[in-house]
Amino acid sequence: MKEQKVSILICDDDVLLLRELKEIAQGAGYNATTAHDGAEALSLMSENTFDLVITDLMMPRIDGPTLMARINELPRTPPKVIAITSYATLDSAVTCLRRGAADFLAKPFTMEEFTETVMRVLSTEVPLHHSPDWGDIQDKFSLTMRQVEILKAFYLTGKSNAELAEELFVTVHTIKSHLKSAYMKMGVSSRAELLRLLRDHSPLNTP
């Protein structure tokens, strides 16, 4: 009996990117369907079953976070989800991960990153969201209590440096200084890398 191909739904209002991602997915051996916004994606999901949904967060009519919430309301087992985001919408990526997204891709990303992320998500179980093990993170990376406080606030809210400074009653310079030091200790160079590392240190994702 012929093995059934994995079915992927790719949702983005960028027509050129949508076409390129579809070609890459098909070239990797997947069945790929496209939608130009969340409303079209929901319509397709009402008639078809998908193993994975890859969705941009900023779209007309129904955006990515709303689409994710609607996916979780489906009467059948929901597909895994990869969110496509940018630095400007990283707070939405935080929201999506907390709602159960398997992973995210931060624009601009390479086609190799796209393929690797799809393969990784399809080959692993996706646990429900759990908060990172902050004690383990502090010990492993030798972080100060203030650095952990800032990282925790970022992970829970996705706020900008200025917003974090206001929330924690410190200056923006203080936030930047602590984050720079934490980045060096943790071996990351961007908020996207930091978010993924923190997510991977939840109790269900650590060995």
C-alpha atoms as a PDB file:
ATOM      1  CA  MET A   1       0.000   0.000   0.000  1.00  0.00           C
ATOM      2  CA  LYS A   2       1.385   3.397  -0.993  1.00  0.00           C
ATOM      3  CA  GLU A   3       2.326   5.600   1.956  1.00  0.00           C
ATOM      4  CA  GLN A   4       0.173   8.715   2.223  1.00  0.00           C
ATOM      5  CA  LYS A   5       2.045  11.996   1.863  1.00  0.00           C
ATOM      6  CA  VAL A   6       2.102  14.532   4.668  1.00  0.00           C
ATOM      7  CA  SER A   7      -0.366  17.325   3.925  1.00  0.00           C
ATOM      8  CA  ILE A   8       0.671  20.928   4.610  1.00  0.00           C
ATOM      9  CA  LEU A   9      -1.377  24.135   4.453  1.00  0.00           C
ATOM     10  CA  ILE A  10       0.672  27.314   3.930  1.00  0.00           C
ATOM     11  CA  CYS A  11      -1.065  30.604   4.693  1.00  0.00           C
ATOM     12  CA  ASP A  12       0.422  34.005   3.777  1.00  0.00           C
ATOM     13  CA  ASP A  13      -0.779  37.129   1.980  1.00  0.00           C
ATOM     14  CA  ASP A  14       2.617  37.510   0.260  1.00  0.00           C
ATOM     15  CA  VAL A  15       1.879  35.842  -3.086  1.00  0.00           C
ATOM     16  CA  LEU A  16       5.519  35.428  -4.140  1.00  0.00           C
ATOM     17  CA  LEU A  17       6.590  33.938  -0.802  1.00  0.00           C
ATOM     18  CA  LEU A  18       3.537  31.685  -0.792  1.00  0.00           C
ATOM     19  CA  ARG A  19       4.418  30.313  -4.216  1.00  0.00           C
ATOM     20  CA  GLU A  20       8.055  29.775  -3.247  1.00  0.00           C
ATOM     21  CA  LEU A  21       7.211  27.955  -0.013  1.00  0.00           C
ATOM     22  CA  LYS A  22       4.717  25.737  -1.825  1.00  0.00           C
ATOM     23  CA  GLU A  23       7.339  24.743  -4.405  1.00  0.00           C
ATOM     24  CA  ILE A  24       9.866  23.942  -1.675  1.00  0.00           C
ATOM     25  CA  ALA A  25       7.342  21.868   0.282  1.00  0.00           C
ATOM     26  CA  GLN A  26       6.321  19.940  -2.817  1.00  0.00           C
ATOM     27  CA  GLY A  27       9.968  19.418  -3.738  1.00  0.00           C
ATOM     28  CA  ALA A  28      10.502  17.884  -0.294  1.00  0.00           C
ATOM     29  CA  GLY A  29       7.740  15.371  -0.988  1.00  0.00           C
ATOM     30  CA  TYR A  30       4.809  16.969   0.843  1.00  0.00           C
ATOM     31  CA  ASN A  31       1.308  17.701  -0.415  1.00  0.00           C
ATOM     32  CA  ALA A  32       1.128  21.502  -0.201  1.00  0.00           C
ATOM     33  CA  THR A  33      -1.986  23.676  -0.342  1.00  0.00           C
ATOM     34  CA  THR A  34      -1.987  27.478  -0.070  1.00  0.00           C
ATOM     35  CA  ALA A  35      -4.291  30.116   1.400  1.00  0.00           C
ATOM     36  CA  HIS A  36      -3.974  33.895   1.137  1.00  0.00           C
ATOM     37  CA  ASP A  37      -5.423  34.702   4.567  1.00  0.00           C
ATOM     38  CA  GLY A  38      -6.862  33.086   7.668  1.00  0.00           C
ATOM     39  CA  ALA A  39     -10.423  33.056   6.366  1.00  0.00           C
ATOM     40  CA  GLU A  40      -9.427  31.059   3.291  1.00  0.00           C
ATOM     41  CA  ALA A  41      -7.346  28.732   5.476  1.00  0.00           C
ATOM     42  CA  LEU A  42     -10.326  27.989   7.734  1.00  0.00           C
ATOM     43  CA  SER A  43     -12.491  27.289   4.702  1.00  0.00           C
ATOM     44  CA  LEU A  44      -9.936  24.794   3.390  1.00  0.00           C
ATOM     45  CA  MET A  45      -9.620  23.140   6.805  1.00  0.00           C
ATOM     46  CA  SER A  46     -13.374  22.664   6.998  1.00  0.00           C
ATOM     47  CA  GLU A  47     -13.172  20.437   3.918  1.00  0.00           C
ATOM     48  CA  ASN A  48      -9.696  18.893   4.229  1.00  0.00           C
ATOM     49  CA  THR A  49      -7.408  17.416   6.872  1.00  0.00           C
ATOM     50  CA  PHE A  50      -3.883  18.812   7.225  1.00  0.00           C
ATOM     51  CA  ASP A  51      -0.943  17.527   9.250  1.00  0.00           C
ATOM     52  CA  LEU A  52       0.735  20.926   9.478  1.00  0.00           C
ATOM     53  CA  VAL A  53      -0.333  24.555   9.071  1.00  0.00           C
ATOM     54  CA  ILE A  54       2.314  27.200   8.382  1.00  0.00           C
ATOM     55  CA  THR A  55       0.855  30.662   8.833  1.00  0.00           C
ATOM     56  CA  ASP A  56       1.992  34.259   8.725  1.00  0.00           C
ATOM     57  CA  LEU A  57       0.832  36.340  11.682  1.00  0.00           C
ATOM     58  CA  MET A  58       0.023  39.615   9.910  1.00  0.00           C
ATOM     59  CA  MET A  59      -2.767  38.994   7.384  1.00  0.00           C
ATOM     60  CA  PRO A  60      -6.053  40.645   6.347  1.00  0.00           C
ATOM     61  CA  ARG A  61      -9.477  39.430   7.509  1.00  0.00           C
ATOM     62  CA  ILE A  62      -8.279  36.760   9.964  1.00  0.00           C
ATOM     63  CA  ASP A  63      -4.708  37.071  11.256  1.00  0.00           C
ATOM     64  CA  GLY A  64      -2.371  34.330  12.468  1.00  0.00           C
ATOM     65  CA  PRO A  65      -3.092  34.412  16.230  1.00  0.00           C
ATOM     66  CA  THR A  66      -6.849  34.382  15.563  1.00  0.00           C
ATOM     67  CA  LEU A  67      -6.410  31.537  13.079  1.00  0.00           C
ATOM     68  CA  MET A  68      -4.511  29.546  15.712  1.00  0.00           C
ATOM     69  CA  ALA A  69      -7.286  30.048  18.235  1.00  0.00           C
ATOM     70  CA  ARG A  70      -9.845  28.862  15.673  1.00  0.00           C
ATOM     71  CA  ILE A  71      -7.694  25.836  14.791  1.00  0.00           C
ATOM     72  CA  ASN A  72      -7.720  24.777  18.441  1.00  0.00           C
ATOM     73  CA  GLU A  73     -11.531  24.826  18.321  1.00  0.00           C
ATOM     74  CA  LEU A  74     -11.721  22.305  15.464  1.00  0.00           C
ATOM     75  CA  PRO A  75     -13.817  19.216  16.296  1.00  0.00           C
ATOM     76  CA  ARG A  76     -10.966  16.896  15.250  1.00  0.00           C
ATOM     77  CA  THR A  77      -7.335  16.683  16.354  1.00  0.00           C
ATOM     78  CA  PRO A  78      -5.795  20.027  15.329  1.00  0.00           C
ATOM     79  CA  PRO A  79      -2.772  20.091  13.010  1.00  0.00           C
ATOM     80  CA  LYS A  80       0.636  21.206  14.202  1.00  0.00           C
ATOM     81  CA  VAL A  81       1.331  24.894  13.569  1.00  0.00           C
ATOM     82  CA  ILE A  82       4.421  26.879  12.590  1.00  0.00           C
ATOM     83  CA  ALA A  83       4.043  30.658  12.879  1.00  0.00           C
ATOM     84  CA  ILE A  84       5.841  33.010  10.481  1.00  0.00           C
ATOM     85  CA  THR A  85       6.757  36.236  12.216  1.00  0.00           C
ATOM     86  CA  SER A  86       9.089  39.214  12.106  1.00  0.00           C
ATOM     87  CA  TYR A  87      10.850  41.249  14.768  1.00  0.00           C
ATOM     88  CA  ALA A  88       7.905  43.659  14.760  1.00  0.00           C
ATOM     89  CA  THR A  89       5.428  40.872  15.565  1.00  0.00           C
ATOM     90  CA  LEU A  90       7.562  38.815  17.941  1.00  0.00           C
ATOM     91  CA  ASP A  91       5.034  39.463  20.707  1.00  0.00           C
ATOM     92  CA  SER A  92       2.504  37.605  18.548  1.00  0.00           C
ATOM     93  CA  ALA A  93       4.951  34.717  18.218  1.00  0.00           C
ATOM     94  CA  VAL A  94       5.038  34.533  22.020  1.00  0.00           C
ATOM     95  CA  THR A  95       1.244  34.374  22.036  1.00  0.00           C
ATOM     96  CA  CYS A  96       1.232  31.613  19.425  1.00  0.00           C
ATOM     97  CA  LEU A  97       3.770  29.504  21.307  1.00  0.00           C
ATOM     98  CA  ARG A  98       1.696  29.857  24.453  1.00  0.00           C
ATOM     99  CA  ARG A  99      -1.339  28.698  22.477  1.00  0.00           C
ATOM    100  CA  GLY A 100       0.471  25.571  21.377  1.00  0.00           C
ATOM    101  CA  ALA A 101       2.356  26.439  18.180  1.00  0.00           C
ATOM    102  CA  ALA A 102       5.115  23.911  17.559  1.00  0.00           C
ATOM    103  CA  ASP A 103       7.666  26.470  16.370  1.00  0.00           C
ATOM    104  CA  PHE A 104       8.087  29.737  14.498  1.00  0.00           C
ATOM    105  CA  LEU A 105      10.105  31.185  11.629  1.00  0.00           C
ATOM    106  CA  ALA A 106      11.361  34.757  11.928  1.00  0.00           C
ATOM    107  CA  LYS A 107      11.599  36.743   8.679  1.00  0.00           C
ATOM    108  CA  PRO A 108      13.855  36.882   6.834  1.00  0.00           C
ATOM    109  CA  PHE A 109      14.569  33.144   6.914  1.00  0.00           C
ATOM    110  CA  THR A 110      16.422  30.925   4.465  1.00  0.00           C
ATOM    111  CA  MET A 111      14.826  28.083   2.590  1.00  0.00           C
ATOM    112  CA  GLU A 112      17.113  25.718   4.501  1.00  0.00           C
ATOM    113  CA  GLU A 113      15.715  27.066   7.784  1.00  0.00           C
ATOM    114  CA  PHE A 114      12.195  26.585   6.433  1.00  0.00           C
ATOM    115  CA  THR A 115      12.832  22.976   5.420  1.00  0.00           C
ATOM    116  CA  GLU A 116      14.642  22.108   8.655  1.00  0.00           C
ATOM    117  CA  THR A 117      11.869  23.615  10.789  1.00  0.00           C
ATOM    118  CA  VAL A 118       9.165  21.708   8.902  1.00  0.00           C
ATOM    119  CA  MET A 119      11.068  18.419   9.222  1.00  0.00           C
ATOM    120  CA  ARG A 120      11.751  18.994  12.930  1.00  0.00           C
ATOM    121  CA  VAL A 121       8.130  19.809  13.743  1.00  0.00           C
ATOM    122  CA  LEU A 122       6.736  16.876  11.778  1.00  0.00           C
ATOM    123  CA  SER A 123       9.135  14.419  13.404  1.00  0.00           C
ATOM    124  CA  THR A 124       8.541  15.401  17.038  1.00  0.00           C
ATOM    125  CA  GLU A 125       5.630  15.434  19.417  1.00  0.00           C
ATOM    126  CA  VAL A 126       4.365  18.898  20.309  1.00  0.00           C
ATOM    127  CA  PRO A 127       3.652  19.247  24.035  1.00  0.00           C
ATOM    128  CA  LEU A 128       1.174  21.669  25.485  1.00  0.00           C
ATOM    129  CA  HIS A 129       2.747  24.947  26.549  1.00  0.00           C
ATOM    130  CA  HIS A 130       4.705  24.804  29.778  1.00  0.00           C
ATOM    131  CA  SER A 131       6.634  27.673  31.309  1.00  0.00           C
ATOM    132  CA  PRO A 132      10.429  27.386  31.040  1.00  0.00           C
ATOM    133  CA  ASP A 133      12.278  25.938  34.009  1.00  0.00           C
ATOM    134  CA  TRP A 134      13.675  29.278  35.159  1.00  0.00           C
ATOM    135  CA  GLY A 135      15.783  27.768  37.931  1.00  0.00           C
ATOM    136  CA  ASP A 136      17.466  25.408  35.479  1.00  0.00           C
ATOM    137  CA  ILE A 137      18.031  28.251  33.010  1.00  0.00           C
ATOM    138  CA  GLN A 138      19.564  30.463  35.706  1.00  0.00           C
ATOM    139  CA  ASP A 139      21.923  27.709  36.852  1.00  0.00           C
ATOM    140  CA  LYS A 140      22.875  26.480  33.383  1.00  0.00           C
ATOM    141  CA  PHE A 141      23.755  29.916  32.001  1.00  0.00           C
ATOM    142  CA  SER A 142      24.896  31.579  35.261  1.00  0.00           C
ATOM    143  CA  LEU A 143      22.287  34.331  34.986  1.00  0.00           C
ATOM    144  CA  THR A 144      21.621  36.944  37.638  1.00  0.00           C
ATOM    145  CA  MET A 145      18.210  37.250  39.274  1.00  0.00           C
ATOM    146  CA  ARG A 146      17.611  40.522  37.418  1.00  0.00           C
ATOM    147  CA  GLN A 147      18.434  38.884  34.081  1.00  0.00           C
ATOM    148  CA  VAL A 148      15.980  36.066  34.815  1.00  0.00           C
ATOM    149  CA  GLU A 149      13.339  38.629  35.789  1.00  0.00           C
ATOM    150  CA  ILE A 150      13.771  40.425  32.447  1.00  0.00           C
ATOM    151  CA  LEU A 151      13.788  37.189  30.438  1.00  0.00           C
ATOM    152  CA  LYS A 152      10.660  36.003  32.208  1.00  0.00           C
ATOM    153  CA  ALA A 153       8.855  39.276  31.475  1.00  0.00           C
ATOM    154  CA  PHE A 154       9.885  39.050  27.820  1.00  0.00           C
ATOM    155  CA  TYR A 155       8.770  35.425  27.494  1.00  0.00           C
ATOM    156  CA  LEU A 156       5.389  36.098  29.057  1.00  0.00           C
ATOM    157  CA  THR A 157       4.627  39.277  27.102  1.00  0.00           C
ATOM    158  CA  GLY A 158       6.941  39.679  24.084  1.00  0.00           C
ATOM    159  CA  LYS A 159       7.209  43.381  24.956  1.00  0.00           C
ATOM    160  CA  SER A 160       9.837  45.742  23.550  1.00  0.00           C
ATOM    161  CA  ASN A 161      12.793  46.958  25.610  1.00  0.00           C
ATOM    162  CA  ALA A 162      11.007  50.241  26.306  1.00  0.00           C
ATOM    163  CA  GLU A 163       7.849  48.447  27.448  1.00  0.00           C
ATOM    164  CA  LEU A 164       9.849  46.071  29.646  1.00  0.00           C
ATOM    165  CA  ALA A 165      11.657  49.028  31.211  1.00  0.00           C
ATOM    166  CA  GLU A 166       8.341  50.677  32.063  1.00  0.00           C
ATOM    167  CA  GLU A 167       6.907  47.460  33.497  1.00  0.00           C
ATOM    168  CA  LEU A 168       9.976  46.712  35.642  1.00  0.00           C
ATOM    169  CA  PHE A 169      10.567  50.351  36.674  1.00  0.00           C
ATOM    170  CA  VAL A 170      14.093  50.540  35.230  1.00  0.00           C
ATOM    171  CA  THR A 171      15.697  52.414  32.341  1.00  0.00           C
ATOM    172  CA  VAL A 172      15.870  51.146  28.771  1.00  0.00           C
ATOM    173  CA  HIS A 173      19.664  51.197  29.109  1.00  0.00           C
ATOM    174  CA  THR A 174      19.389  48.792  32.057  1.00  0.00           C
ATOM    175  CA  ILE A 175      17.213  46.401  30.044  1.00  0.00           C
ATOM    176  CA  LYS A 176      19.608  46.494  27.082  1.00  0.00           C
ATOM    177  CA  SER A 177      22.636  45.972  29.307  1.00  0.00           C
ATOM    178  CA  HIS A 178      21.157  42.939  31.074  1.00  0.00           C
ATOM    179  CA  LEU A 179      19.891  41.421  27.813  1.00  0.00           C
ATOM    180  CA  LYS A 180      23.273  41.885  26.120  1.00  0.00           C
ATOM    181  CA  SER A 181      24.964  40.047  28.967  1.00  0.00           C
ATOM    182  CA  ALA A 182      22.310  37.306  28.981  1.00  0.00           C
ATOM    183  CA  TYR A 183      22.602  36.865  25.200  1.00  0.00           C
ATOM    184  CA  MET A 184      26.360  36.311  25.523  1.00  0.00           C
ATOM    185  CA  LYS A 185      25.939  33.784  28.329  1.00  0.00           C
ATOM    186  CA  MET A 186      23.210  31.895  26.462  1.00  0.00           C
ATOM    187  CA  GLY A 187      24.872  31.963  23.044  1.00  0.00           C
ATOM    188  CA  VAL A 188      22.048  33.744  21.210  1.00  0.00           C
ATOM    189  CA  SER A 189      22.113  36.878  19.083  1.00  0.00           C
ATOM    190  CA  SER A 190      18.462  37.838  18.613  1.00  0.00           C
ATOM    191  CA  ARG A 191      15.093  37.844  20.344  1.00  0.00           C
ATOM    192  CA  ALA A 192      13.919  35.095  17.996  1.00  0.00           C
ATOM    193  CA  GLU A 193      16.789  32.804  19.034  1.00  0.00           C
ATOM    194  CA  LEU A 194      16.197  33.697  22.677  1.00  0.00           C
ATOM    195  CA  LEU A 195      12.488  32.881  22.439  1.00  0.00           C
ATOM    196  CA  ARG A 196      13.175  29.480  20.895  1.00  0.00           C
ATOM    197  CA  LEU A 197      15.833  28.641  23.498  1.00  0.00           C
ATOM    198  CA  LEU A 198      13.507  29.560  26.366  1.00  0.00           C
ATOM    199  CA  ARG A 199      10.662  27.532  24.853  1.00  0.00           C
ATOM    200  CA  ASP A 200      12.976  24.533  24.477  1.00  0.00           C
ATOM    201  CA  HIS A 201      13.780  24.684  28.198  1.00  0.00           C
ATOM    202  CA  SER A 202      10.257  23.900  29.344  1.00  0.00           C
ATOM    203  CA  PRO A 203      10.012  20.754  31.512  1.00  0.00           C
ATOM    204  CA  LEU A 204       8.442  18.731  28.671  1.00  0.00           C
ATOM    205  CA  ASN A 205      11.125  19.695  26.161  1.00  0.00           C
ATOM    206  CA  THR A 206      14.209  18.949  28.235  1.00  0.00           C
ATOM    207  CA  PRO A 207      15.724  15.456  28.435  1.00  0.00           C
END
